[in-house]
Amino acid sequence: MLVNRRQAISKIAAVSAGLGVAVVAAGIGGYLAGTQTAPARTVEKTVTTSTALPTTYVTTAASAVKPIEVWWVTEFFPEEQLAFMEIANDFTKETGIPVHVTFYDFQAAEAKLFTAIKTGQVPDMSNDIGTAIGTRLAWEGALLDVSDVIEDLKKTGDLIPVAPENCYIVDGVSKKRSYFQFPQALQPFVNTYWADVLEKYTGVSKPPEDWNDWWGIFKKAQDNGAMKDLGMYAFGFCLYSAGGDSEDAFSETMFAYGGKPLTEDGKVNYKDPAFKKAVTETLEFIVDLYKGGYIPPRSDSLG
């Protein structure tokens, strides 16, 4: 995970300006990034926020140099946009290079980027929030190799060891595996529970570490009627096929069962008996919970 985002963005901007798309992994919006009143906002799809953006942005008046073009996917919090604009402002103050930032939502950004690589009207930098846009763009041969940026960040200690692994992907045109992204954030998946509820209705104060025992205590809380009294179900898995939450739940459970969908050289691992077994056990685990009534009945629907 990046510790010094400004340093990383400065480096990636230096190597990518005017050359192609460089995709990162986190959350930004649409203005000329300085110190004057913001121009009219340009957004592909309106992003509803409860907090107005500040009135200071990097402007083209800061320099005659061509602005660095950034398309950024924003999530649910206006603070993400504010934080990035602070980075953009700092970058311009230090370098004199303006930054033009446009914020998009998930769907708009995806469509915009894949259209851009066909027309050649690409930004210098964009981002990827768990939807594998970067991996797909790399396969299309649309991304720059940013290995030098990654190596610099490794030397300065700005990356945790696992972070670069998520960026070591394949250019499908050149058939080259390299760093075509740099990591801005990693998203952990956690199991959330209420300690007081757990202890009150199961008698467990310290959750067990064994897989079956861990899940079993939640089933116990529902079986003894406690969760019905609370209007709760033991599990909150999403089961519909289209959506990041359900995909994440499946993937993380599959990894827990030892499933590795790709080989070390990046090929689909479908022939591996251990992988087939992990997929089967994952499906059985989730489906059995659903059939057993431990997951809400509407979890299999987007409606």
C-alpha atoms as a PDB file:
ATOM      1  CA  MET A   1       0.000   0.000   0.000  1.00  0.00           C
ATOM      2  CA  LEU A   2       1.306   3.426  -0.816  1.00  0.00           C
ATOM      3  CA  VAL A   3       2.387   5.508   2.121  1.00  0.00           C
ATOM      4  CA  ASN A   4       3.349   8.576   0.123  1.00  0.00           C
ATOM      5  CA  ARG A   5       0.682   8.973  -2.556  1.00  0.00           C
ATOM      6  CA  ARG A   6       1.919  12.363  -3.716  1.00  0.00           C
ATOM      7  CA  GLN A   7       5.379  10.992  -4.417  1.00  0.00           C
ATOM      8  CA  ALA A   8       3.952   8.097  -6.403  1.00  0.00           C
ATOM      9  CA  ILE A   9       1.572  10.248  -8.411  1.00  0.00           C
ATOM     10  CA  SER A  10       4.359  12.709  -9.176  1.00  0.00           C
ATOM     11  CA  LYS A  11       6.537   9.899 -10.496  1.00  0.00           C
ATOM     12  CA  ILE A  12       3.799   8.277 -12.530  1.00  0.00           C
ATOM     13  CA  ALA A  13       2.810  11.637 -13.993  1.00  0.00           C
ATOM     14  CA  ALA A  14       6.377  12.270 -15.087  1.00  0.00           C
ATOM     15  CA  VAL A  15       6.582   9.036 -17.059  1.00  0.00           C
ATOM     16  CA  SER A  16       3.025   8.966 -18.389  1.00  0.00           C
ATOM     17  CA  ALA A  17       2.206  12.523 -19.440  1.00  0.00           C
ATOM     18  CA  GLY A  18       0.919  12.526 -22.992  1.00  0.00           C
ATOM     19  CA  LEU A  19       1.906   8.923 -23.668  1.00  0.00           C
ATOM     20  CA  GLY A  20      -0.987   6.716 -22.636  1.00  0.00           C
ATOM     21  CA  VAL A  21      -3.092   5.413 -19.796  1.00  0.00           C
ATOM     22  CA  ALA A  22      -1.542   4.426 -16.477  1.00  0.00           C
ATOM     23  CA  VAL A  23      -3.988   2.744 -14.171  1.00  0.00           C
ATOM     24  CA  VAL A  24      -3.746   2.718 -10.378  1.00  0.00           C
ATOM     25  CA  ALA A  25      -5.879   1.140  -7.693  1.00  0.00           C
ATOM     26  CA  ALA A  26      -8.018   3.492  -5.539  1.00  0.00           C
ATOM     27  CA  GLY A  27     -10.538   6.846  -5.679  1.00  0.00           C
ATOM     28  CA  ILE A  28     -11.081  11.649  -7.845  1.00  0.00           C
ATOM     29  CA  GLY A  29     -13.103  14.511  -9.944  1.00  0.00           C
ATOM     30  CA  GLY A  30     -13.294  16.947 -12.693  1.00  0.00           C
ATOM     31  CA  TYR A  31     -11.538  20.227 -12.550  1.00  0.00           C
ATOM     32  CA  LEU A  32      -8.392  21.937 -13.620  1.00  0.00           C
ATOM     33  CA  ALA A  33      -6.202  21.122 -10.665  1.00  0.00           C
ATOM     34  CA  GLY A  34      -3.867  25.714  -8.194  1.00  0.00           C
ATOM     35  CA  THR A  35      -5.232  28.331  -6.273  1.00  0.00           C
ATOM     36  CA  GLN A  36      -8.173  29.992  -8.003  1.00  0.00           C
ATOM     37  CA  THR A  37     -11.925  29.588  -8.051  1.00  0.00           C
ATOM     38  CA  ALA A  38     -12.938  26.330  -9.645  1.00  0.00           C
ATOM     39  CA  PRO A  39     -14.281  26.385 -13.186  1.00  0.00           C
ATOM     40  CA  ALA A  40     -17.614  24.818 -14.052  1.00  0.00           C
ATOM     41  CA  ARG A  41     -17.683  21.164 -13.095  1.00  0.00           C
ATOM     42  CA  THR A  42     -17.470  18.611 -15.881  1.00  0.00           C
ATOM     43  CA  VAL A  43     -18.782  15.205 -14.910  1.00  0.00           C
ATOM     44  CA  GLU A  44     -19.800  12.320 -17.122  1.00  0.00           C
ATOM     45  CA  LYS A  45     -22.381  11.120 -14.590  1.00  0.00           C
ATOM     46  CA  THR A  46     -23.421  13.247 -11.647  1.00  0.00           C
ATOM     47  CA  VAL A  47     -21.824  12.155  -8.397  1.00  0.00           C
ATOM     48  CA  THR A  48     -24.098  12.928  -5.472  1.00  0.00           C
ATOM     49  CA  THR A  49     -22.194  14.113  -2.428  1.00  0.00           C
ATOM     50  CA  SER A  50     -23.201  15.742   0.815  1.00  0.00           C
ATOM     51  CA  THR A  51     -20.109  17.943   1.011  1.00  0.00           C
ATOM     52  CA  ALA A  52     -19.157  20.610  -1.515  1.00  0.00           C
ATOM     53  CA  LEU A  53     -15.664  20.503  -2.994  1.00  0.00           C
ATOM     54  CA  PRO A  54     -13.322  23.341  -1.936  1.00  0.00           C
ATOM     55  CA  THR A  55     -12.889  26.414  -4.077  1.00  0.00           C
ATOM     56  CA  THR A  56      -9.141  26.063  -4.715  1.00  0.00           C
ATOM     57  CA  TYR A  57      -7.871  23.962  -7.588  1.00  0.00           C
ATOM     58  CA  VAL A  58      -4.849  23.707  -9.807  1.00  0.00           C
ATOM     59  CA  THR A  59      -5.451  25.897 -12.843  1.00  0.00           C
ATOM     60  CA  THR A  60      -3.973  26.179 -16.302  1.00  0.00           C
ATOM     61  CA  ALA A  61      -2.821  29.658 -15.300  1.00  0.00           C
ATOM     62  CA  ALA A  62      -0.152  28.007 -13.168  1.00  0.00           C
ATOM     63  CA  SER A  63       1.889  27.058 -16.216  1.00  0.00           C
ATOM     64  CA  ALA A  64       1.972  27.148 -19.986  1.00  0.00           C
ATOM     65  CA  VAL A  65       2.802  23.441 -19.924  1.00  0.00           C
ATOM     66  CA  LYS A  66       0.162  21.036 -21.173  1.00  0.00           C
ATOM     67  CA  PRO A  67      -1.918  19.800 -18.184  1.00  0.00           C
ATOM     68  CA  ILE A  68      -1.657  16.207 -17.047  1.00  0.00           C
ATOM     69  CA  GLU A  69      -5.022  14.613 -17.794  1.00  0.00           C
ATOM     70  CA  VAL A  70      -6.441  12.437 -14.996  1.00  0.00           C
ATOM     71  CA  TRP A  71      -9.721  10.498 -15.055  1.00  0.00           C
ATOM     72  CA  TRP A  72     -10.567   9.257 -11.590  1.00  0.00           C
ATOM     73  CA  VAL A  73     -13.245   6.926 -10.305  1.00  0.00           C
ATOM     74  CA  THR A  74     -14.802   8.277  -7.139  1.00  0.00           C
ATOM     75  CA  GLU A  75     -16.547   6.038  -4.630  1.00  0.00           C
ATOM     76  CA  PHE A  76     -19.050   7.091  -1.994  1.00  0.00           C
ATOM     77  CA  PHE A  77     -17.268   9.725   0.052  1.00  0.00           C
ATOM     78  CA  PRO A  78     -16.590  13.331  -0.973  1.00  0.00           C
ATOM     79  CA  GLU A  79     -13.462  13.211   1.209  1.00  0.00           C
ATOM     80  CA  GLU A  80     -11.840  11.082  -1.486  1.00  0.00           C
ATOM     81  CA  GLN A  81     -12.219  13.870  -3.995  1.00  0.00           C
ATOM     82  CA  LEU A  82     -10.985  16.472  -1.543  1.00  0.00           C
ATOM     83  CA  ALA A  83      -7.897  14.407  -0.703  1.00  0.00           C
ATOM     84  CA  PHE A  84      -6.949  13.923  -4.313  1.00  0.00           C
ATOM     85  CA  MET A  85      -7.386  17.587  -5.169  1.00  0.00           C
ATOM     86  CA  GLU A  86      -5.017  18.437  -2.310  1.00  0.00           C
ATOM     87  CA  ILE A  87      -2.463  16.085  -3.873  1.00  0.00           C
ATOM     88  CA  ALA A  88      -3.011  17.664  -7.297  1.00  0.00           C
ATOM     89  CA  ASN A  89      -2.600  21.154  -5.866  1.00  0.00           C
ATOM     90  CA  ASP A  90       0.627  20.198  -4.085  1.00  0.00           C
ATOM     91  CA  PHE A  91       1.975  18.603  -7.251  1.00  0.00           C
ATOM     92  CA  THR A  92       1.331  21.745  -9.276  1.00  0.00           C
ATOM     93  CA  LYS A  93       2.888  23.992  -6.637  1.00  0.00           C
ATOM     94  CA  GLU A  94       6.050  21.875  -6.641  1.00  0.00           C
ATOM     95  CA  THR A  95       6.384  21.331 -10.395  1.00  0.00           C
ATOM     96  CA  GLY A  96       4.442  24.132 -12.075  1.00  0.00           C
ATOM     97  CA  ILE A  97       2.610  21.487 -14.115  1.00  0.00           C
ATOM     98  CA  PRO A  98      -1.192  21.808 -14.015  1.00  0.00           C
ATOM     99  CA  VAL A  99      -3.411  18.758 -13.527  1.00  0.00           C
ATOM    100  CA  HIS A 100      -6.822  18.416 -15.133  1.00  0.00           C
ATOM    101  CA  VAL A 101      -8.920  15.971 -13.103  1.00  0.00           C
ATOM    102  CA  THR A 102     -12.310  14.553 -14.036  1.00  0.00           C
ATOM    103  CA  PHE A 103     -14.330  12.447 -11.601  1.00  0.00           C
ATOM    104  CA  TYR A 104     -16.414   9.539 -12.841  1.00  0.00           C
ATOM    105  CA  ASP A 105     -18.500   6.827 -11.276  1.00  0.00           C
ATOM    106  CA  PHE A 106     -17.717   3.145 -11.902  1.00  0.00           C
ATOM    107  CA  GLN A 107     -19.793   2.519 -15.008  1.00  0.00           C
ATOM    108  CA  ALA A 108     -18.992   5.822 -16.687  1.00  0.00           C
ATOM    109  CA  ALA A 109     -15.253   5.390 -16.130  1.00  0.00           C
ATOM    110  CA  GLU A 110     -15.207   1.883 -17.526  1.00  0.00           C
ATOM    111  CA  ALA A 111     -17.081   2.866 -20.676  1.00  0.00           C
ATOM    112  CA  LYS A 112     -15.026   6.035 -21.094  1.00  0.00           C
ATOM    113  CA  LEU A 113     -11.670   4.253 -20.827  1.00  0.00           C
ATOM    114  CA  PHE A 114     -12.479   1.461 -23.250  1.00  0.00           C
ATOM    115  CA  THR A 115     -13.837   3.962 -25.755  1.00  0.00           C
ATOM    116  CA  ALA A 116     -10.736   6.109 -25.300  1.00  0.00           C
ATOM    117  CA  ILE A 117      -8.291   3.377 -26.257  1.00  0.00           C
ATOM    118  CA  LYS A 118     -10.165   2.914 -29.526  1.00  0.00           C
ATOM    119  CA  THR A 119     -10.102   6.621 -30.377  1.00  0.00           C
ATOM    120  CA  GLY A 120      -6.646   7.356 -28.989  1.00  0.00           C
ATOM    121  CA  GLN A 121      -8.000  10.131 -26.755  1.00  0.00           C
ATOM    122  CA  VAL A 122      -6.605   8.634 -23.571  1.00  0.00           C
ATOM    123  CA  PRO A 123      -5.792  10.289 -20.243  1.00  0.00           C
ATOM    124  CA  ASP A 124      -2.325  10.219 -18.727  1.00  0.00           C
ATOM    125  CA  MET A 125      -3.585   8.453 -15.627  1.00  0.00           C
ATOM    126  CA  SER A 126      -6.718   6.772 -14.333  1.00  0.00           C
ATOM    127  CA  ASN A 127      -7.593   4.344 -11.559  1.00  0.00           C
ATOM    128  CA  ASP A 128      -9.152   0.975 -10.926  1.00  0.00           C
ATOM    129  CA  ILE A 129     -11.388   0.205  -7.942  1.00  0.00           C
ATOM    130  CA  GLY A 130     -11.671  -3.545  -7.787  1.00  0.00           C
ATOM    131  CA  THR A 131     -13.254  -3.986 -11.220  1.00  0.00           C
ATOM    132  CA  ALA A 132     -10.133  -5.233 -13.043  1.00  0.00           C
ATOM    133  CA  ILE A 133     -10.228  -2.350 -15.529  1.00  0.00           C
ATOM    134  CA  GLY A 134      -6.446  -2.132 -15.372  1.00  0.00           C
ATOM    135  CA  THR A 135      -5.958  -5.827 -16.074  1.00  0.00           C
ATOM    136  CA  ARG A 136      -8.225  -5.650 -19.092  1.00  0.00           C
ATOM    137  CA  LEU A 137      -6.635  -2.461 -20.416  1.00  0.00           C
ATOM    138  CA  ALA A 138      -3.212  -4.045 -20.070  1.00  0.00           C
ATOM    139  CA  TRP A 139      -4.421  -7.029 -22.079  1.00  0.00           C
ATOM    140  CA  GLU A 140      -5.518  -4.610 -24.806  1.00  0.00           C
ATOM    141  CA  GLY A 141      -1.973  -3.207 -24.874  1.00  0.00           C
ATOM    142  CA  ALA A 142      -3.179   0.203 -23.683  1.00  0.00           C
ATOM    143  CA  LEU A 143      -1.007   0.724 -20.610  1.00  0.00           C
ATOM    144  CA  LEU A 144       2.515   1.958 -20.045  1.00  0.00           C
ATOM    145  CA  ASP A 145       5.103  -0.209 -18.360  1.00  0.00           C
ATOM    146  CA  VAL A 146       5.734   1.563 -15.034  1.00  0.00           C
ATOM    147  CA  SER A 147       8.325  -0.847 -13.641  1.00  0.00           C
ATOM    148  CA  ASP A 148      10.735   2.005 -12.932  1.00  0.00           C
ATOM    149  CA  VAL A 149       8.109   3.679 -10.729  1.00  0.00           C
ATOM    150  CA  ILE A 150       7.443   0.463  -8.834  1.00  0.00           C
ATOM    151  CA  GLU A 151      11.150  -0.186  -8.302  1.00  0.00           C
ATOM    152  CA  ASP A 152      11.657   3.353  -6.976  1.00  0.00           C
ATOM    153  CA  LEU A 153       8.763   2.918  -4.558  1.00  0.00           C
ATOM    154  CA  LYS A 154      10.198  -0.394  -3.369  1.00  0.00           C
ATOM    155  CA  LYS A 155      13.510   1.272  -2.595  1.00  0.00           C
ATOM    156  CA  THR A 156      11.910   4.107  -0.638  1.00  0.00           C
ATOM    157  CA  GLY A 157       9.741   1.753   1.407  1.00  0.00           C
ATOM    158  CA  ASP A 158       6.469   3.183   0.072  1.00  0.00           C
ATOM    159  CA  LEU A 159       5.029  -0.251  -0.748  1.00  0.00           C
ATOM    160  CA  ILE A 160       4.128  -3.152   1.477  1.00  0.00           C
ATOM    161  CA  PRO A 161       5.576  -6.348  -0.062  1.00  0.00           C
ATOM    162  CA  VAL A 162       2.309  -7.798  -1.343  1.00  0.00           C
ATOM    163  CA  ALA A 163       1.212  -4.608  -3.135  1.00  0.00           C
ATOM    164  CA  PRO A 164       3.309  -4.967  -6.334  1.00  0.00           C
ATOM    165  CA  GLU A 165       1.982  -8.490  -6.874  1.00  0.00           C
ATOM    166  CA  ASN A 166      -1.406  -7.019  -7.717  1.00  0.00           C
ATOM    167  CA  CYS A 167       0.144  -4.922 -10.466  1.00  0.00           C
ATOM    168  CA  TYR A 168       2.281  -7.565 -12.164  1.00  0.00           C
ATOM    169  CA  ILE A 169      -0.006  -8.277 -15.108  1.00  0.00           C
ATOM    170  CA  VAL A 170       0.097  -9.246 -18.775  1.00  0.00           C
ATOM    171  CA  ASP A 171       0.093  -7.090 -21.899  1.00  0.00           C
ATOM    172  CA  GLY A 172      -1.873  -9.267 -24.308  1.00  0.00           C
ATOM    173  CA  VAL A 173      -0.385  -7.585 -27.377  1.00  0.00           C
ATOM    174  CA  SER A 174       3.297  -7.894 -26.526  1.00  0.00           C
ATOM    175  CA  LYS A 175       2.698 -11.044 -24.392  1.00  0.00           C
ATOM    176  CA  LYS A 176       4.838  -9.369 -21.750  1.00  0.00           C
ATOM    177  CA  ARG A 177       4.213  -9.667 -18.019  1.00  0.00           C
ATOM    178  CA  SER A 178       5.309  -6.573 -16.136  1.00  0.00           C
ATOM    179  CA  TYR A 179       4.152  -3.721 -13.897  1.00  0.00           C
ATOM    180  CA  PHE A 180       1.471  -1.872 -15.828  1.00  0.00           C
ATOM    181  CA  GLN A 181      -0.172  -0.403 -12.738  1.00  0.00           C
ATOM    182  CA  PHE A 182       0.984   0.981  -9.431  1.00  0.00           C
ATOM    183  CA  PRO A 183      -0.883   0.264  -6.189  1.00  0.00           C
ATOM    184  CA  GLN A 184      -2.506   3.124  -4.357  1.00  0.00           C
ATOM    185  CA  ALA A 185      -4.607   1.123  -1.910  1.00  0.00           C
ATOM    186  CA  LEU A 186      -5.394  -2.442  -0.959  1.00  0.00           C
ATOM    187  CA  GLN A 187      -8.833  -3.455   0.259  1.00  0.00           C
ATOM    188  CA  PRO A 188      -8.964  -6.081   3.012  1.00  0.00           C
ATOM    189  CA  PHE A 189     -12.006  -8.279   3.545  1.00  0.00           C
ATOM    190  CA  VAL A 190     -13.025  -8.840   7.126  1.00  0.00           C
ATOM    191  CA  ASN A 191     -15.680 -10.713   9.056  1.00  0.00           C
ATOM    192  CA  THR A 192     -17.648  -8.348  11.258  1.00  0.00           C
ATOM    193  CA  TYR A 193     -19.444  -9.439  14.402  1.00  0.00           C
ATOM    194  CA  TRP A 194     -20.845  -7.840  17.533  1.00  0.00           C
ATOM    195  CA  ALA A 195     -18.848  -9.151  20.499  1.00  0.00           C
ATOM    196  CA  ASP A 196     -21.568  -8.454  23.061  1.00  0.00           C
ATOM    197  CA  VAL A 197     -24.236 -10.141  20.936  1.00  0.00           C
ATOM    198  CA  LEU A 198     -21.968 -13.103  20.282  1.00  0.00           C
ATOM    199  CA  GLU A 199     -21.188 -13.635  23.953  1.00  0.00           C
ATOM    200  CA  LYS A 200     -24.778 -13.132  25.075  1.00  0.00           C
ATOM    201  CA  TYR A 201     -26.329 -15.593  22.644  1.00  0.00           C
ATOM    202  CA  THR A 202     -23.570 -18.174  22.159  1.00  0.00           C
ATOM    203  CA  GLY A 203     -21.571 -17.955  25.375  1.00  0.00           C
ATOM    204  CA  VAL A 204     -18.387 -17.362  23.356  1.00  0.00           C
ATOM    205  CA  SER A 205     -16.202 -14.459  24.432  1.00  0.00           C
ATOM    206  CA  LYS A 206     -13.222 -15.272  22.210  1.00  0.00           C
ATOM    207  CA  PRO A 207     -14.053 -16.431  18.671  1.00  0.00           C
ATOM    208  CA  PRO A 208     -12.478 -19.776  17.729  1.00  0.00           C
ATOM    209  CA  GLU A 209      -9.790 -19.945  15.068  1.00  0.00           C
ATOM    210  CA  ASP A 210     -10.893 -23.242  13.517  1.00  0.00           C
ATOM    211  CA  TRP A 211     -12.846 -22.738  10.274  1.00  0.00           C
ATOM    212  CA  ASN A 212     -15.877 -24.883  11.108  1.00  0.00           C
ATOM    213  CA  ASP A 213     -16.011 -23.749  14.732  1.00  0.00           C
ATOM    214  CA  TRP A 214     -15.825 -20.095  13.698  1.00  0.00           C
ATOM    215  CA  TRP A 215     -18.819 -20.314  11.363  1.00  0.00           C
ATOM    216  CA  GLY A 216     -20.570 -22.732  13.696  1.00  0.00           C
ATOM    217  CA  ILE A 217     -20.954 -20.177  16.486  1.00  0.00           C
ATOM    218  CA  PHE A 218     -23.015 -17.932  14.236  1.00  0.00           C
ATOM    219  CA  LYS A 219     -25.205 -20.828  13.184  1.00  0.00           C
ATOM    220  CA  LYS A 220     -25.626 -21.648  16.866  1.00  0.00           C
ATOM    221  CA  ALA A 221     -26.792 -18.110  17.606  1.00  0.00           C
ATOM    222  CA  GLN A 222     -29.501 -18.466  14.964  1.00  0.00           C
ATOM    223  CA  ASP A 223     -30.421 -22.035  15.888  1.00  0.00           C
ATOM    224  CA  ASN A 224     -31.119 -21.152  19.509  1.00  0.00           C
ATOM    225  CA  GLY A 225     -33.571 -18.458  18.441  1.00  0.00           C
ATOM    226  CA  ALA A 226     -31.471 -15.527  19.602  1.00  0.00           C
ATOM    227  CA  MET A 227     -31.009 -13.974  16.197  1.00  0.00           C
ATOM    228  CA  LYS A 228     -34.690 -14.323  15.343  1.00  0.00           C
ATOM    229  CA  ASP A 229     -35.441 -12.247  18.411  1.00  0.00           C
ATOM    230  CA  LEU A 230     -33.055  -9.629  17.026  1.00  0.00           C
ATOM    231  CA  GLY A 231     -34.474  -9.837  13.509  1.00  0.00           C
ATOM    232  CA  MET A 232     -31.071 -10.996  12.246  1.00  0.00           C
ATOM    233  CA  TYR A 233     -29.633 -13.819  10.165  1.00  0.00           C
ATOM    234  CA  ALA A 234     -26.361 -15.560  10.946  1.00  0.00           C
ATOM    235  CA  PHE A 235     -24.729 -14.597   7.632  1.00  0.00           C
ATOM    236  CA  GLY A 236     -24.894 -11.723   5.184  1.00  0.00           C
ATOM    237  CA  PHE A 237     -23.463 -13.288   2.020  1.00  0.00           C
ATOM    238  CA  CYS A 238     -24.699 -11.855  -1.293  1.00  0.00           C
ATOM    239  CA  LEU A 239     -25.513 -14.631  -3.757  1.00  0.00           C
ATOM    240  CA  TYR A 240     -26.492 -12.911  -6.990  1.00  0.00           C
ATOM    241  CA  SER A 241     -24.077 -13.468  -9.854  1.00  0.00           C
ATOM    242  CA  ALA A 242     -23.553  -9.846 -10.929  1.00  0.00           C
ATOM    243  CA  GLY A 243     -21.815  -7.732  -8.339  1.00  0.00           C
ATOM    244  CA  GLY A 244     -18.535  -7.184  -6.582  1.00  0.00           C
ATOM    245  CA  ASP A 245     -19.807  -8.152  -3.130  1.00  0.00           C
ATOM    246  CA  SER A 246     -20.886 -11.641  -4.157  1.00  0.00           C
ATOM    247  CA  GLU A 247     -17.771 -12.138  -6.282  1.00  0.00           C
ATOM    248  CA  ASP A 248     -15.583 -11.096  -3.372  1.00  0.00           C
ATOM    249  CA  ALA A 249     -17.398 -13.419  -0.969  1.00  0.00           C
ATOM    250  CA  PHE A 250     -16.941 -16.335  -3.360  1.00  0.00           C
ATOM    251  CA  SER A 251     -13.283 -15.557  -4.122  1.00  0.00           C
ATOM    252  CA  GLU A 252     -12.233 -15.097  -0.507  1.00  0.00           C
ATOM    253  CA  THR A 253     -13.994 -18.305   0.539  1.00  0.00           C
ATOM    254  CA  MET A 254     -12.392 -20.185  -2.358  1.00  0.00           C
ATOM    255  CA  PHE A 255      -8.953 -18.945  -1.305  1.00  0.00           C
ATOM    256  CA  ALA A 256      -9.682 -20.171   2.223  1.00  0.00           C
ATOM    257  CA  TYR A 257     -10.314 -23.606   0.762  1.00  0.00           C
ATOM    258  CA  GLY A 258      -6.982 -23.467  -1.041  1.00  0.00           C
ATOM    259  CA  GLY A 259      -8.270 -22.587  -4.498  1.00  0.00           C
ATOM    260  CA  LYS A 260      -5.794 -20.928  -6.865  1.00  0.00           C
ATOM    261  CA  PRO A 261      -7.511 -19.908 -10.113  1.00  0.00           C
ATOM    262  CA  LEU A 262      -4.228 -19.098 -11.877  1.00  0.00           C
ATOM    263  CA  THR A 263      -0.939 -20.953 -12.186  1.00  0.00           C
ATOM    264  CA  GLU A 264       2.358 -19.261 -11.368  1.00  0.00           C
ATOM    265  CA  ASP A 265       2.801 -18.333 -15.043  1.00  0.00           C
ATOM    266  CA  GLY A 266      -0.663 -16.737 -15.216  1.00  0.00           C
ATOM    267  CA  LYS A 267      -2.628 -19.500 -16.939  1.00  0.00           C
ATOM    268  CA  VAL A 268      -6.126 -20.625 -15.915  1.00  0.00           C
ATOM    269  CA  ASN A 269      -5.762 -23.443 -13.417  1.00  0.00           C
ATOM    270  CA  TYR A 270      -8.924 -25.338 -14.336  1.00  0.00           C
ATOM    271  CA  LYS A 271      -7.214 -28.727 -14.720  1.00  0.00           C
ATOM    272  CA  ASP A 272      -5.821 -28.754 -11.192  1.00  0.00           C
ATOM    273  CA  PRO A 273      -7.815 -31.235  -9.030  1.00  0.00           C
ATOM    274  CA  ALA A 274      -7.085 -29.141  -5.923  1.00  0.00           C
ATOM    275  CA  PHE A 275      -8.634 -26.088  -7.569  1.00  0.00           C
ATOM    276  CA  LYS A 276     -11.716 -28.040  -8.659  1.00  0.00           C
ATOM    277  CA  LYS A 277     -12.088 -29.358  -5.117  1.00  0.00           C
ATOM    278  CA  ALA A 278     -11.808 -25.845  -3.652  1.00  0.00           C
ATOM    279  CA  VAL A 279     -14.480 -24.508  -6.013  1.00  0.00           C
ATOM    280  CA  THR A 280     -16.811 -27.390  -5.159  1.00  0.00           C
ATOM    281  CA  GLU A 281     -16.316 -26.935  -1.424  1.00  0.00           C
ATOM    282  CA  THR A 282     -16.889 -23.188  -1.727  1.00  0.00           C
ATOM    283  CA  LEU A 283     -20.161 -23.665  -3.581  1.00  0.00           C
ATOM    284  CA  GLU A 284     -21.321 -26.293  -1.104  1.00  0.00           C
ATOM    285  CA  PHE A 285     -20.416 -24.102   1.864  1.00  0.00           C
ATOM    286  CA  ILE A 286     -22.319 -21.025   0.652  1.00  0.00           C
ATOM    287  CA  VAL A 287     -25.290 -22.862  -0.883  1.00  0.00           C
ATOM    288  CA  ASP A 288     -25.768 -25.025   2.219  1.00  0.00           C
ATOM    289  CA  LEU A 289     -25.891 -21.916   4.400  1.00  0.00           C
ATOM    290  CA  TYR A 290     -28.513 -20.441   2.092  1.00  0.00           C
ATOM    291  CA  LYS A 291     -30.612 -23.593   1.927  1.00  0.00           C
ATOM    292  CA  GLY A 292     -30.324 -23.943   5.693  1.00  0.00           C
ATOM    293  CA  GLY A 293     -31.906 -20.535   6.172  1.00  0.00           C
ATOM    294  CA  TYR A 294     -28.809 -18.886   7.599  1.00  0.00           C
ATOM    295  CA  ILE A 295     -28.667 -16.337   4.779  1.00  0.00           C
ATOM    296  CA  PRO A 296     -31.673 -14.032   4.075  1.00  0.00           C
ATOM    297  CA  PRO A 297     -33.911 -15.479   1.348  1.00  0.00           C
ATOM    298  CA  ARG A 298     -33.645 -12.369  -0.854  1.00  0.00           C
ATOM    299  CA  SER A 299     -29.841 -12.540  -0.990  1.00  0.00           C
ATOM    300  CA  ASP A 300     -30.029 -14.329  -4.318  1.00  0.00           C
ATOM    301  CA  SER A 301     -31.638 -11.363  -6.045  1.00  0.00           C
ATOM    302  CA  LEU A 302     -30.689  -7.843  -7.038  1.00  0.00           C
ATOM    303  CA  GLY A 303     -34.251  -6.758  -6.246  1.00  0.00           C
END
